């Protein structure tokens, strides 16, 4: 909300989660009530990506999960339908390079000039050398 106001953004906003490491959620929140009850009770099964997704949806922003964790659940889906926004995605790893290329082109089409595009391999192959 603060970012939207500070930057005077209008129109639809999409939040993209691209972190790659977090504990898998053992709970599968079957409906909106279960999900919101877990938030109210500070349930330790709520992953950071799921909390970001919930916050995004409450602000009317769509949420794209680019990490490999199991962020999307029925409860989040129900909440997004009520708030009229989208939640989608399961993993960017399969198309990480393609996504970065597309994202850079999109940024350029908006008239912005990216100064740095940085990435590292989190899977153990040449860690921090790519």
C-alpha atoms as a PDB file:
ATOM      1  CA  UNK A   1       0.000   0.000   0.000  1.00  0.00           C
ATOM      2  CA  UNK A   2       2.785   2.423   0.944  1.00  0.00           C
ATOM      3  CA  UNK A   3       4.728   1.689  -2.250  1.00  0.00           C
ATOM      4  CA  UNK A   4       1.619   2.248  -4.386  1.00  0.00           C
ATOM      5  CA  UNK A   5       0.980   5.593  -2.695  1.00  0.00           C
ATOM      6  CA  UNK A   6       4.613   6.734  -2.634  1.00  0.00           C
ATOM      7  CA  UNK A   7       5.060   5.997  -6.340  1.00  0.00           C
ATOM      8  CA  UNK A   8       1.569   7.278  -7.277  1.00  0.00           C
ATOM      9  CA  UNK A   9       0.795   3.988  -9.008  1.00  0.00           C
ATOM     10  CA  UNK A  10      -2.574   3.462 -10.603  1.00  0.00           C
ATOM     11  CA  UNK A  11      -4.000   0.428 -12.307  1.00  0.00           C
ATOM     12  CA  UNK A  12      -3.384  -3.194 -11.495  1.00  0.00           C
ATOM     13  CA  UNK A  13      -0.191  -4.241  -9.717  1.00  0.00           C
ATOM     14  CA  UNK A  14       1.384  -7.693  -9.769  1.00  0.00           C
ATOM     15  CA  UNK A  15       3.776  -8.830  -7.039  1.00  0.00           C
ATOM     16  CA  UNK A  16       6.375 -11.369  -8.198  1.00  0.00           C
ATOM     17  CA  UNK A  17       8.000 -13.644  -5.616  1.00  0.00           C
ATOM     18  CA  UNK A  18      11.327 -14.995  -6.857  1.00  0.00           C
ATOM     19  CA  UNK A  19      13.078 -16.191  -3.682  1.00  0.00           C
ATOM     20  CA  UNK A  20      14.130 -19.787  -3.990  1.00  0.00           C
ATOM     21  CA  UNK A  21      14.641 -21.195  -0.504  1.00  0.00           C
ATOM     22  CA  UNK A  22      12.107 -21.567   2.277  1.00  0.00           C
ATOM     23  CA  UNK A  23      10.588 -24.371   4.287  1.00  0.00           C
ATOM     24  CA  UNK A  24       7.781 -26.235   2.549  1.00  0.00           C
ATOM     25  CA  UNK A  25       4.401 -25.634   4.112  1.00  0.00           C
ATOM     26  CA  UNK A  26       3.059 -28.832   5.692  1.00  0.00           C
ATOM     27  CA  UNK A  27      -0.496 -27.479   5.905  1.00  0.00           C
ATOM     28  CA  UNK A  28      -2.805 -27.215   2.945  1.00  0.00           C
ATOM     29  CA  UNK A  29      -5.238 -24.450   3.804  1.00  0.00           C
ATOM     30  CA  UNK A  30      -8.421 -25.781   2.208  1.00  0.00           C
ATOM     31  CA  UNK A  31     -10.451 -22.574   2.378  1.00  0.00           C
ATOM     32  CA  UNK A  32     -10.196 -18.859   3.027  1.00  0.00           C
ATOM     33  CA  UNK A  33     -11.327 -19.220   6.663  1.00  0.00           C
ATOM     34  CA  UNK A  34      -8.590 -21.766   7.466  1.00  0.00           C
ATOM     35  CA  UNK A  35      -6.005 -19.509   5.867  1.00  0.00           C
ATOM     36  CA  UNK A  36      -7.095 -16.344   7.682  1.00  0.00           C
ATOM     37  CA  UNK A  37      -7.371 -18.233  10.977  1.00  0.00           C
ATOM     38  CA  UNK A  38      -3.768 -19.367  10.513  1.00  0.00           C
ATOM     39  CA  UNK A  39      -2.741 -15.726   9.994  1.00  0.00           C
ATOM     40  CA  UNK A  40      -4.676 -14.604  13.085  1.00  0.00           C
ATOM     41  CA  UNK A  41      -3.014 -17.352  15.146  1.00  0.00           C
ATOM     42  CA  UNK A  42       0.483 -16.646  13.779  1.00  0.00           C
ATOM     43  CA  UNK A  43       0.658 -20.239  12.531  1.00  0.00           C
ATOM     44  CA  UNK A  44       4.281 -21.275  11.989  1.00  0.00           C
ATOM     45  CA  UNK A  45       3.231 -23.203   8.880  1.00  0.00           C
ATOM     46  CA  UNK A  46       2.670 -19.918   7.022  1.00  0.00           C
ATOM     47  CA  UNK A  47       5.683 -19.503   4.780  1.00  0.00           C
ATOM     48  CA  UNK A  48       7.084 -16.056   3.912  1.00  0.00           C
ATOM     49  CA  UNK A  49       5.884 -16.437   0.314  1.00  0.00           C
ATOM     50  CA  UNK A  50       2.368 -17.280   1.479  1.00  0.00           C
ATOM     51  CA  UNK A  51       2.331 -14.243   3.775  1.00  0.00           C
ATOM     52  CA  UNK A  52       3.440 -12.022   0.874  1.00  0.00           C
ATOM     53  CA  UNK A  53       0.759 -13.599  -1.312  1.00  0.00           C
ATOM     54  CA  UNK A  54      -1.947 -12.933   1.283  1.00  0.00           C
ATOM     55  CA  UNK A  55      -0.806  -9.334   1.762  1.00  0.00           C
ATOM     56  CA  UNK A  56      -0.701  -8.811  -2.018  1.00  0.00           C
ATOM     57  CA  UNK A  57      -4.226 -10.129  -2.457  1.00  0.00           C
ATOM     58  CA  UNK A  58      -5.547  -7.975   0.398  1.00  0.00           C
ATOM     59  CA  UNK A  59      -4.140  -4.953  -1.429  1.00  0.00           C
ATOM     60  CA  UNK A  60      -5.838  -6.035  -4.663  1.00  0.00           C
ATOM     61  CA  UNK A  61      -2.553  -7.050  -6.294  1.00  0.00           C
ATOM     62  CA  UNK A  62      -2.061 -10.237  -8.238  1.00  0.00           C
ATOM     63  CA  UNK A  63       0.702 -12.562  -7.019  1.00  0.00           C
ATOM     64  CA  UNK A  64       3.079 -14.689  -9.097  1.00  0.00           C
ATOM     65  CA  UNK A  65       5.016 -17.354  -7.224  1.00  0.00           C
ATOM     66  CA  UNK A  66       8.388 -17.880  -8.875  1.00  0.00           C
ATOM     67  CA  UNK A  67       9.849 -20.050  -6.132  1.00  0.00           C
ATOM     68  CA  UNK A  68       9.654 -23.791  -5.851  1.00  0.00           C
ATOM     69  CA  UNK A  69       7.710 -23.824  -2.593  1.00  0.00           C
ATOM     70  CA  UNK A  70       4.052 -24.788  -2.341  1.00  0.00           C
ATOM     71  CA  UNK A  71       2.669 -21.286  -1.801  1.00  0.00           C
ATOM     72  CA  UNK A  72      -0.569 -21.664  -3.718  1.00  0.00           C
ATOM     73  CA  UNK A  73      -3.459 -23.310  -1.888  1.00  0.00           C
ATOM     74  CA  UNK A  74      -7.243 -23.410  -2.117  1.00  0.00           C
ATOM     75  CA  UNK A  75      -7.635 -20.855   0.683  1.00  0.00           C
ATOM     76  CA  UNK A  76      -5.463 -18.333  -1.169  1.00  0.00           C
ATOM     77  CA  UNK A  77      -7.352 -19.027  -4.379  1.00  0.00           C
ATOM     78  CA  UNK A  78     -10.706 -18.324  -2.662  1.00  0.00           C
ATOM     79  CA  UNK A  79      -9.345 -15.099  -1.192  1.00  0.00           C
ATOM     80  CA  UNK A  80      -8.041 -13.952  -4.585  1.00  0.00           C
ATOM     81  CA  UNK A  81     -11.413 -14.580  -6.226  1.00  0.00           C
ATOM     82  CA  UNK A  82     -13.122 -12.454  -3.585  1.00  0.00           C
ATOM     83  CA  UNK A  83     -10.570  -9.648  -4.035  1.00  0.00           C
ATOM     84  CA  UNK A  84     -10.707  -9.957  -7.854  1.00  0.00           C
ATOM     85  CA  UNK A  85      -7.031 -10.621  -8.511  1.00  0.00           C
ATOM     86  CA  UNK A  86      -4.900 -13.545  -9.642  1.00  0.00           C
ATOM     87  CA  UNK A  87      -2.517 -15.928  -7.884  1.00  0.00           C
ATOM     88  CA  UNK A  88      -0.417 -18.204 -10.060  1.00  0.00           C
ATOM     89  CA  UNK A  89       2.906 -19.877 -10.679  1.00  0.00           C
ATOM     90  CA  UNK A  90       4.921 -22.681  -9.176  1.00  0.00           C
ATOM     91  CA  UNK A  91       8.540 -22.239 -10.191  1.00  0.00           C
ATOM     92  CA  UNK A  92      10.697 -20.001 -12.383  1.00  0.00           C
ATOM     93  CA  UNK A  93      13.691 -22.360 -12.399  1.00  0.00           C
ATOM     94  CA  UNK A  94      12.542 -24.151 -15.514  1.00  0.00           C
ATOM     95  CA  UNK A  95      12.426 -20.883 -17.423  1.00  0.00           C
ATOM     96  CA  UNK A  96      14.540 -18.539 -15.296  1.00  0.00           C
ATOM     97  CA  UNK A  97      16.706 -17.271 -18.159  1.00  0.00           C
ATOM     98  CA  UNK A  98      13.714 -16.849 -20.447  1.00  0.00           C
ATOM     99  CA  UNK A  99      11.861 -14.970 -17.708  1.00  0.00           C
ATOM    100  CA  UNK A 100      14.808 -12.634 -17.066  1.00  0.00           C
ATOM    101  CA  UNK A 101      15.140 -11.934 -20.785  1.00  0.00           C
ATOM    102  CA  UNK A 102      11.425 -11.192 -21.071  1.00  0.00           C
ATOM    103  CA  UNK A 103      11.438  -9.050 -17.927  1.00  0.00           C
ATOM    104  CA  UNK A 104      14.364  -6.964 -19.211  1.00  0.00           C
ATOM    105  CA  UNK A 105      12.658  -6.402 -22.564  1.00  0.00           C
ATOM    106  CA  UNK A 106       9.457  -5.376 -20.755  1.00  0.00           C
ATOM    107  CA  UNK A 107      11.420  -2.907 -18.616  1.00  0.00           C
ATOM    108  CA  UNK A 108      13.093  -1.475 -21.733  1.00  0.00           C
ATOM    109  CA  UNK A 109       9.727  -1.078 -23.473  1.00  0.00           C
ATOM    110  CA  UNK A 110       8.615   1.021 -20.489  1.00  0.00           C
ATOM    111  CA  UNK A 111      11.501   3.374 -21.245  1.00  0.00           C
ATOM    112  CA  UNK A 112      13.682   2.276 -18.333  1.00  0.00           C
ATOM    113  CA  UNK A 113      17.284   1.176 -18.688  1.00  0.00           C
ATOM    114  CA  UNK A 114      18.401  -1.715 -16.473  1.00  0.00           C
ATOM    115  CA  UNK A 115      21.902  -1.137 -15.114  1.00  0.00           C
ATOM    116  CA  UNK A 116      22.537  -4.597 -13.633  1.00  0.00           C
ATOM    117  CA  UNK A 117      21.016  -8.021 -14.167  1.00  0.00           C
ATOM    118  CA  UNK A 118      22.449 -10.375 -11.543  1.00  0.00           C
ATOM    119  CA  UNK A 119      21.822 -14.020 -10.844  1.00  0.00           C
ATOM    120  CA  UNK A 120      23.401 -16.862  -8.975  1.00  0.00           C
ATOM    121  CA  UNK A 121      23.005 -20.599  -9.104  1.00  0.00           C
ATOM    122  CA  UNK A 122      21.329 -21.778  -5.892  1.00  0.00           C
ATOM    123  CA  UNK A 123      21.507 -25.467  -6.758  1.00  0.00           C
ATOM    124  CA  UNK A 124      25.175 -26.073  -5.961  1.00  0.00           C
ATOM    125  CA  UNK A 125      26.587 -26.150  -9.502  1.00  0.00           C
ATOM    126  CA  UNK A 126      29.305 -23.476  -9.638  1.00  0.00           C
ATOM    127  CA  UNK A 127      27.662 -21.578  -6.774  1.00  0.00           C
ATOM    128  CA  UNK A 128      28.122 -17.839  -7.082  1.00  0.00           C
ATOM    129  CA  UNK A 129      30.199 -18.248 -10.259  1.00  0.00           C
ATOM    130  CA  UNK A 130      27.356 -17.727 -12.734  1.00  0.00           C
END
